């Protein structure tokens, strides 16, 4: 059902793994690690998610237990424990024949949708403080189209290909000085 740019790779349909991921702090941790390609300590990660280092360490261990993050090479004397995302993409889809798996997928999708709604509301609340070029280049749009499943898959592939060269992980070292981290939320589904 859902594909996110960020988080662990591979199709996840296991209800336990989806439930382990379905926590606001864990989503933020995975997103940061996968989108940036960084490795972080629990203390560095705690600053990102607003939790204590010990709470963040617990969440990192849980994510590792389900194969979503792993230990990264240290940068110094070997005393610090660094973590990195296993991959830069996540594809999760509940097994439609297993109600528990579908319930876990719905909970995970709901978490992402709520986070995305908050991000949109934050943008709307601050857009009058942004430079005109950023206000004018931003968009909130919707369309209704008439397509087959194959055509919709092609559209999704083309949108993905259009964004690929601009992904944070691939571009952050060579991006123009005035480039900013931008969130693009794209959803496509058949109308009932």
Protein backbone atom coordinates (compact mmCIF):
# COMPACT_ATOMS: atom_id res chain seq x y z
CA UNK A 1 0.00 0.00 0.00
CA UNK A 2 2.54 2.57 1.02
CA UNK A 3 5.99 3.45 -0.11
CA UNK A 4 8.06 5.98 1.77
CA UNK A 5 11.31 7.48 0.54
CA UNK A 6 12.74 6.90 3.95
CA UNK A 7 13.23 3.85 6.11
CA UNK A 8 14.40 0.32 5.68
CA UNK A 9 14.39 -1.41 2.33
CA UNK A 10 12.41 -4.43 1.24
CA UNK A 11 8.71 -5.14 1.40
CA UNK A 12 7.46 -5.33 4.95
CA UNK A 13 4.20 -7.18 5.48
CA UNK A 14 4.90 -8.63 8.91
CA UNK A 15 2.50 -7.15 11.48
CA UNK A 16 5.09 -7.17 14.27
CA UNK A 17 7.60 -5.19 12.21
CA UNK A 18 4.99 -2.66 11.14
CA UNK A 19 3.80 -2.27 14.75
CA UNK A 20 7.42 -1.78 15.87
CA UNK A 21 7.84 0.99 13.33
CA UNK A 22 4.48 2.64 14.15
CA UNK A 23 5.76 5.02 16.83
CA UNK A 24 6.30 8.76 16.22
CA UNK A 25 9.88 8.79 17.55
CA UNK A 26 10.81 5.70 15.56
CA UNK A 27 9.41 7.16 12.35
CA UNK A 28 11.43 10.35 12.90
CA UNK A 29 14.59 8.36 13.66
CA UNK A 30 14.21 6.17 10.58
CA UNK A 31 13.38 9.15 8.39
CA UNK A 32 16.44 11.10 9.49
CA UNK A 33 18.82 8.17 9.11
CA UNK A 34 17.46 7.00 5.77
CA UNK A 35 16.93 10.38 4.14
CA UNK A 36 20.33 11.77 5.11
CA UNK A 37 22.40 8.57 5.11
CA UNK A 38 23.94 9.78 8.38
CA UNK A 39 25.01 7.62 11.27
CA UNK A 40 24.19 8.94 14.73
CA UNK A 41 24.60 8.12 18.38
CA UNK A 42 21.59 7.82 20.67
CA UNK A 43 22.51 11.21 22.15
CA UNK A 44 22.57 12.89 18.73
CA UNK A 45 19.32 11.18 17.84
CA UNK A 46 17.71 12.29 21.12
CA UNK A 47 18.14 15.92 20.07
CA UNK A 48 16.28 15.17 16.83
CA UNK A 49 13.24 13.54 18.44
CA UNK A 50 13.07 15.37 21.75
CA UNK A 51 13.62 12.34 23.97
CA UNK A 52 16.32 11.36 26.46
CA UNK A 53 19.34 9.48 25.14
CA UNK A 54 18.27 6.37 27.07
CA UNK A 55 14.76 6.45 25.55
CA UNK A 56 16.23 7.00 22.10
CA UNK A 57 18.67 4.14 22.64
CA UNK A 58 15.71 1.88 23.45
CA UNK A 59 13.95 2.89 20.23
CA UNK A 60 17.13 2.32 18.20
CA UNK A 61 17.52 -1.17 19.69
CA UNK A 62 13.90 -1.97 18.86
CA UNK A 63 14.36 -0.78 15.29
CA UNK A 64 17.51 -2.92 15.05
CA UNK A 65 15.63 -5.95 16.39
CA UNK A 66 13.35 -5.74 13.35
CA UNK A 67 16.17 -5.10 10.87
CA UNK A 68 15.36 -1.43 10.25
CA UNK A 69 18.64 0.04 11.58
CA UNK A 70 22.06 -1.40 12.29
CA UNK A 71 25.29 -0.48 14.01
CA UNK A 72 27.48 1.82 11.96
CA UNK A 73 31.27 2.09 12.09
CA UNK A 74 32.48 4.38 14.87
CA UNK A 75 34.27 7.63 14.18
CA UNK A 76 36.68 7.75 17.05
CA UNK A 77 37.91 5.70 19.95
CA UNK A 78 35.29 2.96 19.56
CA UNK A 79 33.39 3.84 22.73
CA UNK A 80 30.49 5.48 20.94
CA UNK A 81 27.78 3.33 19.40
CA UNK A 82 26.59 4.72 16.08
CA UNK A 83 23.47 3.69 14.18
CA UNK A 84 22.50 3.87 10.53
CA UNK A 85 19.48 2.94 8.43
CA UNK A 86 19.65 -0.41 6.67
CA UNK A 87 18.33 1.17 3.46
CA UNK A 88 16.94 4.42 2.10
CA UNK A 89 13.49 3.11 1.17
CA UNK A 90 10.58 1.40 2.85
CA UNK A 91 7.83 -0.51 1.13
CA UNK A 92 5.20 -1.77 3.51
CA UNK A 93 2.07 -3.61 2.58
CA UNK A 94 -0.06 -5.69 4.87
CA UNK A 95 -0.92 -9.23 3.85
CA UNK A 96 -4.59 -8.90 2.81
CA UNK A 97 -5.28 -12.47 3.98
CA UNK A 98 -4.05 -11.69 7.52
CA UNK A 99 -6.29 -9.22 9.42
CA UNK A 100 -3.56 -8.49 11.98
CA UNK A 101 -1.17 -7.51 9.19
CA UNK A 102 -3.74 -5.19 7.61
CA UNK A 103 -4.51 -3.59 10.98
CA UNK A 104 -0.79 -2.95 11.52
CA UNK A 105 -0.49 -1.42 8.04
CA UNK A 106 -3.47 0.86 8.70
CA UNK A 107 -1.95 2.00 12.01
CA UNK A 108 1.37 2.76 10.31
CA UNK A 109 -0.27 4.63 7.42
CA UNK A 110 -2.37 6.59 9.92
CA UNK A 111 0.78 7.65 11.77
CA UNK A 112 2.40 8.89 8.55
CA UNK A 113 -0.77 10.70 7.45
CA UNK A 114 -1.12 12.44 10.81
CA UNK A 115 2.52 13.51 10.73
CA UNK A 116 2.11 14.79 7.18
CA UNK A 117 -1.03 16.73 8.15
CA UNK A 118 0.88 18.41 10.98
CA UNK A 119 3.71 19.32 8.59
CA UNK A 120 1.23 20.91 6.17
CA UNK A 121 -0.43 22.87 8.96
CA UNK A 122 2.98 24.08 10.18
CA UNK A 123 3.80 25.27 6.65
CA UNK A 124 0.48 27.08 6.35
CA UNK A 125 1.13 28.75 9.70
CA UNK A 126 4.53 30.07 8.70
CA UNK A 127 4.29 30.62 4.95
CA UNK A 128 3.71 34.36 5.35
CA UNK A 129 7.20 34.54 6.92
CA UNK A 130 8.83 32.76 3.97
CA UNK A 131 10.46 34.55 1.01
CA UNK A 132 8.08 35.06 -1.94
CA UNK A 133 9.98 32.62 -4.17
CA UNK A 134 9.39 29.80 -1.67
CA UNK A 135 5.71 30.68 -1.18
CA UNK A 136 5.18 30.80 -4.96
CA UNK A 137 7.08 27.60 -5.72
CA UNK A 138 5.29 25.56 -3.05
CA UNK A 139 2.10 23.74 -3.95
CA UNK A 140 -0.86 21.98 -2.46
CA UNK A 141 -2.72 20.43 -5.35
CA UNK A 142 -4.99 17.61 -6.28
CA UNK A 143 -6.17 16.06 -9.50
CA UNK A 144 -8.62 13.41 -10.57
CA UNK A 145 -7.70 11.34 -13.58
CA UNK A 146 -9.15 8.39 -15.49
CA UNK A 147 -6.53 5.62 -15.89
CA UNK A 148 -6.00 1.88 -15.82
CA UNK A 149 -3.96 0.22 -13.07
CA UNK A 150 -1.04 -0.09 -15.48
CA UNK A 151 -1.25 3.60 -16.40
CA UNK A 152 -1.35 4.57 -12.73
CA UNK A 153 1.74 2.44 -12.07
CA UNK A 154 3.48 4.23 -14.97
CA UNK A 155 2.52 7.64 -13.58
CA UNK A 156 3.87 6.65 -10.15
CA UNK A 157 7.12 5.43 -11.70
CA UNK A 158 7.51 8.67 -13.65
CA UNK A 159 6.90 10.82 -10.55
CA UNK A 160 9.47 8.75 -8.65
CA UNK A 161 11.99 9.12 -11.50
CA UNK A 162 11.38 12.88 -11.62
CA UNK A 163 12.22 13.23 -7.92
CA UNK A 164 15.15 10.78 -7.76
CA UNK A 165 17.90 13.23 -8.79
CA UNK A 166 16.85 15.62 -6.01
CA UNK A 167 16.73 13.18 -3.06
CA UNK A 168 18.54 14.52 0.01
CA UNK A 169 20.90 11.58 0.39
CA UNK A 170 22.10 11.76 -3.21
CA UNK A 171 22.29 15.53 -3.56
CA UNK A 172 23.19 17.07 -0.23
CA UNK A 173 26.91 17.40 -0.94
CA UNK A 174 26.43 19.00 -4.37
CA UNK A 175 23.21 20.98 -3.97
CA UNK A 176 23.15 24.73 -4.68
CA UNK A 177 23.76 26.94 -1.64
CA UNK A 178 20.15 28.15 -1.56
CA UNK A 179 18.63 24.63 -1.71
CA UNK A 180 16.33 23.70 1.16
CA UNK A 181 14.99 20.43 2.47
CA UNK A 182 11.50 20.12 0.93
CA UNK A 183 8.82 17.55 1.71
CA UNK A 184 6.81 16.17 -1.20
CA UNK A 185 3.79 14.10 -0.29
CA UNK A 186 2.34 12.17 -3.16
CA UNK A 187 -0.61 9.82 -2.94
CA UNK A 188 -2.43 8.01 -5.73
CA UNK A 189 -5.37 5.66 -5.25
CA UNK A 190 -8.61 4.70 -7.00
CA UNK A 191 -11.65 6.70 -5.93
CA UNK A 192 -14.52 4.62 -4.63
